[in-house]
Protein backbone atom coordinates (compact mmCIF):
# COMPACT_ATOMS: atom_id res chain seq x y z
CA MET A 1 172.18 19.24 152.98
CA PRO A 2 171.55 22.56 154.81
CA ALA A 3 174.50 24.31 156.39
CA SER A 4 175.22 23.38 160.01
CA MET A 5 175.58 25.84 162.87
CA LEU A 6 179.37 25.56 162.59
CA GLU A 7 179.33 26.21 158.83
CA LEU A 8 177.00 29.18 159.28
CA PHE A 9 179.31 30.61 161.94
CA ARG A 10 182.42 30.17 159.79
CA VAL A 11 180.88 31.82 156.74
CA LEU A 12 179.40 34.79 158.60
CA SER A 13 182.50 35.44 160.74
CA SER A 14 184.84 35.55 157.74
CA PHE A 15 186.27 38.80 156.37
CA ALA A 16 186.06 37.29 152.87
CA PRO A 17 183.15 34.83 152.90
CA SER A 18 182.58 32.43 150.05
CA ARG A 19 179.17 32.48 148.39
CA VAL A 20 177.25 29.49 149.70
CA ASP A 21 173.64 28.37 149.87
CA LEU A 22 172.44 29.07 153.41
CA LYS A 23 168.82 28.16 152.82
CA GLY A 24 167.56 25.88 155.56
CA ALA A 25 170.45 26.71 157.91
CA PRO A 26 169.58 26.88 161.65
CA TRP A 27 168.85 30.61 161.58
CA GLU A 28 166.74 30.89 164.74
CA PRO A 29 169.34 29.51 167.17
CA TYR A 30 172.19 31.16 165.24
CA VAL A 31 170.79 34.70 165.35
CA ASP A 32 170.13 34.67 169.11
CA TRP A 33 173.52 33.10 169.80
CA ALA A 34 175.40 35.46 167.45
CA ILE A 35 173.89 38.51 169.11
CA ALA A 36 174.90 37.27 172.57
CA GLN A 37 178.44 36.48 171.35
CA GLY A 38 179.07 39.89 169.72
CA LEU A 39 179.09 38.39 166.22
CA ALA A 40 175.96 40.08 164.83
CA PRO A 41 177.53 43.19 163.20
CA LEU A 42 180.03 41.24 161.08
CA ALA A 43 177.37 38.65 160.17
CA ALA A 44 174.99 41.45 159.14
CA TYR A 45 177.59 43.08 156.90
CA ASN A 46 178.38 39.78 155.20
CA LEU A 47 174.71 39.05 154.56
CA GLU A 48 173.90 42.54 153.34
CA TYR A 49 176.99 43.35 151.25
CA ARG A 50 178.95 40.17 150.53
CA LEU A 51 176.66 37.17 150.15
CA GLY A 52 173.68 38.54 148.24
CA LEU A 53 170.88 36.03 147.66
CA CYS A 54 172.30 33.28 149.85
CA GLY A 55 169.02 31.96 151.20
CA ALA A 56 169.00 33.84 154.50
CA PRO A 57 165.46 34.68 155.67
CA GLN A 58 164.56 38.36 155.61
CA TRP A 59 163.73 38.48 159.30
CA ALA A 60 167.28 37.31 160.16
CA ARG A 61 168.85 39.85 157.82
CA ASP A 62 166.75 42.68 159.26
CA ARG A 63 167.46 41.77 162.87
CA LEU A 64 171.20 41.45 162.36
CA LEU A 65 171.39 44.64 160.29
CA SER A 66 169.81 46.64 163.11
CA LEU A 67 172.66 45.43 165.34
CA TYR A 68 175.24 46.46 162.73
CA GLN A 69 173.88 50.01 162.55
CA GLY A 70 173.61 50.27 166.33
CA THR A 71 177.14 48.96 166.86
CA ALA A 72 178.60 51.43 164.36
CA ASN A 73 176.98 54.36 166.16
CA ASP A 74 177.83 53.06 169.63
CA ASN A 75 181.49 52.37 168.80
CA VAL A 76 182.01 55.80 167.26
CA MET A 77 180.38 57.50 170.25
CA LYS A 78 182.47 55.59 172.78
CA LEU A 79 185.80 55.95 170.99
CA VAL A 80 185.39 59.64 170.13
CA ASN A 81 184.31 60.37 173.70
CA PHE A 82 187.33 58.48 175.02
CA LYS A 83 189.63 60.36 172.64
CA ARG A 84 188.36 63.65 174.04
CA ALA A 85 189.19 62.44 177.53
CA VAL A 86 192.84 61.59 176.76
CA ASP A 87 194.06 63.47 173.68
CA GLU A 88 195.51 66.39 175.68
CA LEU A 89 197.38 64.17 178.11
CA GLU A 90 201.15 64.35 177.55
CA GLY A 91 204.21 62.72 179.04
CA ARG A 92 202.61 59.37 179.99
CA ARG A 93 202.40 55.87 178.53
CA ILE A 94 198.82 54.63 178.51
CA VAL A 95 198.26 51.31 176.77
CA LEU A 96 194.97 50.70 174.96
CA LEU A 97 194.04 47.02 175.32
CA GLY A 98 191.44 44.70 173.90
CA ALA A 99 188.35 45.75 171.97
CA ALA A 100 189.14 49.46 171.67
CA SER A 101 192.54 48.65 170.17
CA PHE A 102 191.40 45.68 168.08
CA ALA A 103 188.34 47.32 166.50
CA GLU A 104 190.52 49.44 164.22
CA SER A 105 193.74 47.40 164.09
CA LEU A 106 192.32 43.94 163.32
CA TYR A 107 188.92 44.56 161.72
CA PRO A 108 188.40 46.14 158.28
CA HIS A 109 185.55 48.27 159.64
CA VAL A 110 185.20 49.61 163.18
CA ALA A 111 181.54 48.51 163.22
CA PHE A 112 182.51 44.83 162.88
CA ARG A 113 183.86 44.60 166.43
CA PRO A 114 181.58 45.82 169.27
CA VAL A 115 183.47 47.83 171.89
CA ILE A 116 181.69 46.90 175.10
CA ASP A 117 184.27 48.56 177.36
CA VAL A 118 187.67 50.24 177.18
CA ARG A 119 190.64 48.56 178.88
CA LEU A 120 193.82 50.44 179.69
CA PHE A 121 197.16 49.58 181.23
CA VAL A 122 199.43 52.11 182.95
CA PRO A 123 202.44 51.83 185.27
CA PRO A 124 201.25 51.22 188.85
CA GLY A 125 202.38 54.65 190.00
CA ASP A 126 200.25 56.28 187.30
CA VAL A 127 196.95 54.62 188.18
CA GLU A 128 195.72 57.25 190.65
CA PRO A 129 196.94 60.28 188.65
CA PHE A 130 195.29 58.85 185.53
CA VAL A 131 192.03 58.16 187.36
CA SER A 132 192.09 61.76 188.62
CA TRP A 133 192.66 63.02 185.06
CA LEU A 134 189.70 60.99 183.79
CA ARG A 135 187.41 62.67 186.30
CA ARG A 136 187.75 65.79 184.16
CA ALA A 137 185.81 63.90 181.51
CA GLU A 138 183.20 62.74 184.03
CA PHE A 139 184.63 59.24 184.43
CA LYS A 140 184.05 58.25 188.03
CA PRO A 141 184.36 55.03 190.03
CA ASP A 142 181.43 52.79 189.12
CA ALA A 143 179.71 51.69 192.32
CA ALA A 144 177.49 49.29 190.36
CA GLN A 145 180.48 47.13 189.42
CA ALA A 146 181.69 44.40 191.73
CA PRO A 147 185.24 44.87 193.02
CA ALA A 148 187.67 43.70 190.35
CA PRO A 149 189.43 40.50 191.48
CA SER A 150 192.70 41.43 189.82
CA GLY A 151 192.82 44.93 191.27
CA GLU A 152 192.01 47.12 188.28
CA ARG A 153 190.03 50.32 188.73
CA VAL A 154 186.59 50.48 187.12
CA LEU A 155 185.24 53.86 185.98
CA SER A 156 182.18 55.00 184.05
CA ASP A 157 180.72 58.18 182.61
CA GLY A 158 177.29 56.57 182.46
CA ARG A 159 177.83 55.29 178.91
CA THR A 160 181.26 53.65 178.76
CA LEU A 161 183.04 51.42 181.28
CA LEU A 162 186.80 51.95 181.63
CA TYR A 163 189.05 49.35 183.24
CA VAL A 164 192.42 50.71 184.34
CA HIS A 165 195.05 48.02 185.02
CA GLY A 166 198.15 48.89 187.01
CA ALA A 167 199.68 45.46 186.40
CA LEU A 168 199.32 42.63 183.91
CA ALA A 169 202.13 40.19 184.70
CA LYS A 170 203.07 38.95 188.16
CA ASP A 171 206.63 40.14 187.54
CA ARG A 172 206.80 43.92 187.33
CA ALA A 173 209.88 43.71 185.10
CA LEU A 174 207.77 41.98 182.44
CA ASP A 175 205.22 44.78 182.56
CA GLU A 176 207.97 47.36 182.20
CA ALA A 177 209.38 45.49 179.20
CA MET A 178 205.95 45.42 177.55
CA LEU A 179 205.55 49.15 178.13
CA ALA A 180 208.94 49.80 176.56
CA ARG A 181 207.97 47.88 173.41
CA CYS A 182 204.65 49.67 172.88
CA LEU A 183 203.69 51.38 169.61
CA PRO A 184 202.15 54.87 169.37
CA ILE A 185 198.46 55.40 168.54
CA ARG A 186 198.52 58.95 167.22
CA PHE A 187 194.74 59.22 166.83
CA TYR A 188 194.27 59.28 170.59
CA GLY A 189 197.01 61.74 171.42
CA PRO A 190 200.69 61.73 172.43
CA SER A 191 200.35 59.50 175.50
CA MET A 192 198.39 56.63 173.96
CA VAL A 193 200.14 53.44 172.83
CA ARG A 194 199.30 49.81 172.08
CA LEU A 195 201.17 46.59 172.81
CA ASP A 196 203.34 45.16 170.09
CA LEU A 197 201.91 42.17 168.23
CA GLU A 198 203.44 39.38 170.30
CA ASP A 199 202.56 41.08 173.60
CA ALA A 200 199.03 41.85 172.39
CA LEU A 201 198.47 38.20 171.51
CA LEU A 202 199.75 36.94 174.86
CA VAL A 203 197.98 39.55 177.01
CA HIS A 204 194.74 38.75 175.19
CA VAL A 205 195.22 35.08 176.09
CA LEU A 206 196.23 36.01 179.64
CA LEU A 207 193.03 37.99 180.24
CA MET A 208 190.90 35.25 178.67
CA ALA A 209 192.51 32.64 180.92
CA ARG A 210 192.03 34.81 184.02
CA ALA A 211 188.33 34.98 183.12
CA GLY A 212 188.24 31.17 183.04
CA PHE A 213 187.72 31.43 179.27
CA ASP A 214 184.13 32.43 180.02
CA VAL A 215 184.34 35.01 177.23
CA PRO A 216 182.24 35.77 174.13
CA MET A 217 183.15 33.95 170.94
CA LEU A 218 184.13 37.33 169.51
CA GLU A 219 187.36 37.15 171.51
CA PHE A 220 188.42 34.09 169.54
CA LEU A 221 187.91 36.11 166.35
CA ASP A 222 190.31 38.67 167.82
CA LEU A 223 192.80 35.88 168.44
CA ARG A 224 192.29 34.47 164.92
CA GLU A 225 193.42 37.78 163.46
CA LEU A 226 196.34 38.19 165.88
CA VAL A 227 197.59 34.67 165.14
CA GLN A 228 197.48 35.29 161.40
CA GLY A 229 198.98 38.78 161.58
CA ALA A 230 195.87 40.82 160.67
CA PRO A 231 196.01 39.90 156.96
CA SER A 232 193.03 42.10 156.07
CA MET A 233 194.71 45.22 157.41
CA GLY A 234 197.87 47.23 156.79
CA GLY A 235 198.83 48.46 160.25
CA ASP A 236 200.87 47.64 163.33
CA TYR A 237 199.64 44.05 163.55
CA SER A 238 199.87 43.20 159.86
CA ARG A 239 202.82 40.82 160.02
CA GLN A 240 203.37 37.26 161.13
CA PRO A 241 203.90 36.91 164.91
CA ARG A 242 207.45 35.82 165.64
CA ALA A 243 207.00 32.30 166.97
CA GLU A 244 210.21 32.18 169.00
CA VAL A 245 209.31 35.48 170.68
CA VAL A 246 205.75 34.37 171.47
CA LEU A 247 206.95 31.10 173.00
CA GLU A 248 209.70 32.75 175.04
CA ARG A 249 207.37 35.44 176.40
CA ALA A 250 204.61 32.88 177.08
CA ARG A 251 207.03 30.99 179.34
CA ALA A 252 208.02 34.19 181.13
CA LEU A 253 204.37 35.21 181.64
CA GLY A 254 203.38 31.73 182.81
CA VAL A 255 200.67 31.44 180.17
CA GLU A 256 201.85 28.45 178.11
CA ARG A 257 198.88 26.26 178.97
CA GLY A 258 196.45 29.11 178.48
CA LEU A 259 198.03 29.78 175.09
CA TRP A 260 197.75 26.09 174.17
CA VAL A 261 194.03 26.15 175.03
CA ALA A 262 193.29 29.39 173.17
CA LEU A 263 195.17 28.29 170.06
CA GLY A 264 193.40 24.94 170.13
CA VAL A 265 190.00 26.62 170.12
CA VAL A 266 191.01 28.92 167.26
CA GLU A 267 192.21 25.95 165.21
CA HIS A 268 188.97 24.03 165.86
CA LEU A 269 186.83 26.99 164.85
CA PHE A 270 188.90 28.24 161.92
CA PRO A 271 190.80 25.45 160.10
CA GLU A 272 192.55 28.02 157.90
CA THR A 273 194.64 29.02 160.94
CA ARG A 274 196.20 25.55 161.34
CA ALA A 275 199.64 26.42 159.99
CA ALA A 276 199.82 29.68 161.96
CA VAL A 277 198.67 27.95 165.15
CA GLU A 278 201.20 25.16 164.77
CA ARG A 279 204.08 27.66 164.73
CA LEU A 280 202.91 29.25 167.98
CA ARG A 281 201.76 26.20 169.95
CA PRO A 282 203.77 25.56 173.15
CA ALA A 283 205.18 22.09 173.73
CA LEU A 284 203.28 20.44 176.60
CA ALA A 285 203.43 16.93 178.03
CA PHE A 286 201.01 14.48 176.40
CA PRO A 287 198.84 13.90 179.52
CA VAL A 288 198.41 17.67 180.00
CA ARG A 289 197.47 18.11 176.33
CA GLU A 290 194.88 15.35 176.57
CA LEU A 291 193.28 16.87 179.68
CA LEU A 292 193.21 20.37 178.21
CA GLU A 293 191.75 19.13 174.93
CA ARG A 294 188.99 17.10 176.55
CA LEU A 295 188.06 19.36 179.47
CA VAL A 296 188.63 22.84 178.03
CA VAL A 297 189.30 23.07 174.28
CA SER A 298 186.50 20.76 173.16
CA PRO A 299 183.73 22.42 175.24
CA LEU A 300 184.89 25.92 174.26
CA SER A 301 184.85 24.99 170.57
CA GLN A 302 181.15 24.11 170.54
CA VAL A 303 179.45 26.66 168.31
CA GLY A 304 175.99 27.59 169.55
CA ARG A 305 176.43 26.68 173.22
CA THR A 306 174.36 29.00 175.38
CA GLU A 307 175.49 28.00 178.85
CA ALA A 308 178.48 29.72 180.39
CA PHE A 309 181.74 27.81 180.36
CA ARG A 310 182.10 26.66 183.95
CA GLY A 311 185.63 25.42 183.90
CA GLU A 312 187.13 27.87 186.36
CA GLU A 313 188.19 25.26 188.92
CA THR A 314 189.45 22.91 186.22
CA LEU A 315 191.40 25.73 184.68
CA ARG A 316 192.91 26.80 187.99
CA GLN A 317 194.21 23.27 188.49
CA LEU A 318 195.36 22.69 184.93
CA LEU A 319 196.98 26.10 184.57
CA ALA A 320 198.62 26.00 188.00
CA GLY A 321 201.80 24.65 186.45
CA ASP A 322 202.26 27.73 184.25
């Protein structure tokens, strides 16, 4: 029997894919969907260098490989350009969030994880000074972007979007604690840091939940690696998340239900994460779990869906108790 869409996704999103026969798999819908979800570069690498003669049609290999090469060039350009903008800045704490941090801390090759934008977090009093500093590198407020609902500043140099957050948690003390726990990123200069593993996992979930989980599937790959402690790497995130710390901080951040949803999707998509997910899953009342599973987790876990997840109102109601 030919591989299903789910099986195709699991094989091509693995960092160590097993050799399988993919002849007759649903390549046409998969390729279009994978490109839209940010999955094409990793899929291309697996097809070209890991899986050999697996039955993939040549047109699919060629199309995905062009995305791999383009992503590699685009990521290097964006990250090197950003480094030039910040590597002389001293005496600050600027937190690199999301894709720009994950591309080299979770993924074995920087080309595997497209960096669509660069997200940063600074103390609220540093937002305006930092924005002024970035103007030296031609980063200016982007008038084409709609006003950010959560108050972050949006800048662009015409090639890269920067989002500058002055707050993440509702409680400023929690933000200050996260800043104090940050780890240095020497490549980007003396002021650049990243969240520690537990904070990175929870902030990733927090931002996904604030977006109503209308996010590319790639973000669940990020979470897969965070949950498992970046086993393919040897850096800051290559250890098991401390379950008691994750659960305690999730309660403080008010993201327990969002964490339950995100972990549920990861477990559905990647069964190998089951043990890691179970350690980190918050304890919720049975009726809440049933609602979240049916209305949020199950729809989000559908591989190949092309419509946006329109659960914002449901999420607002279900997550209101966090």
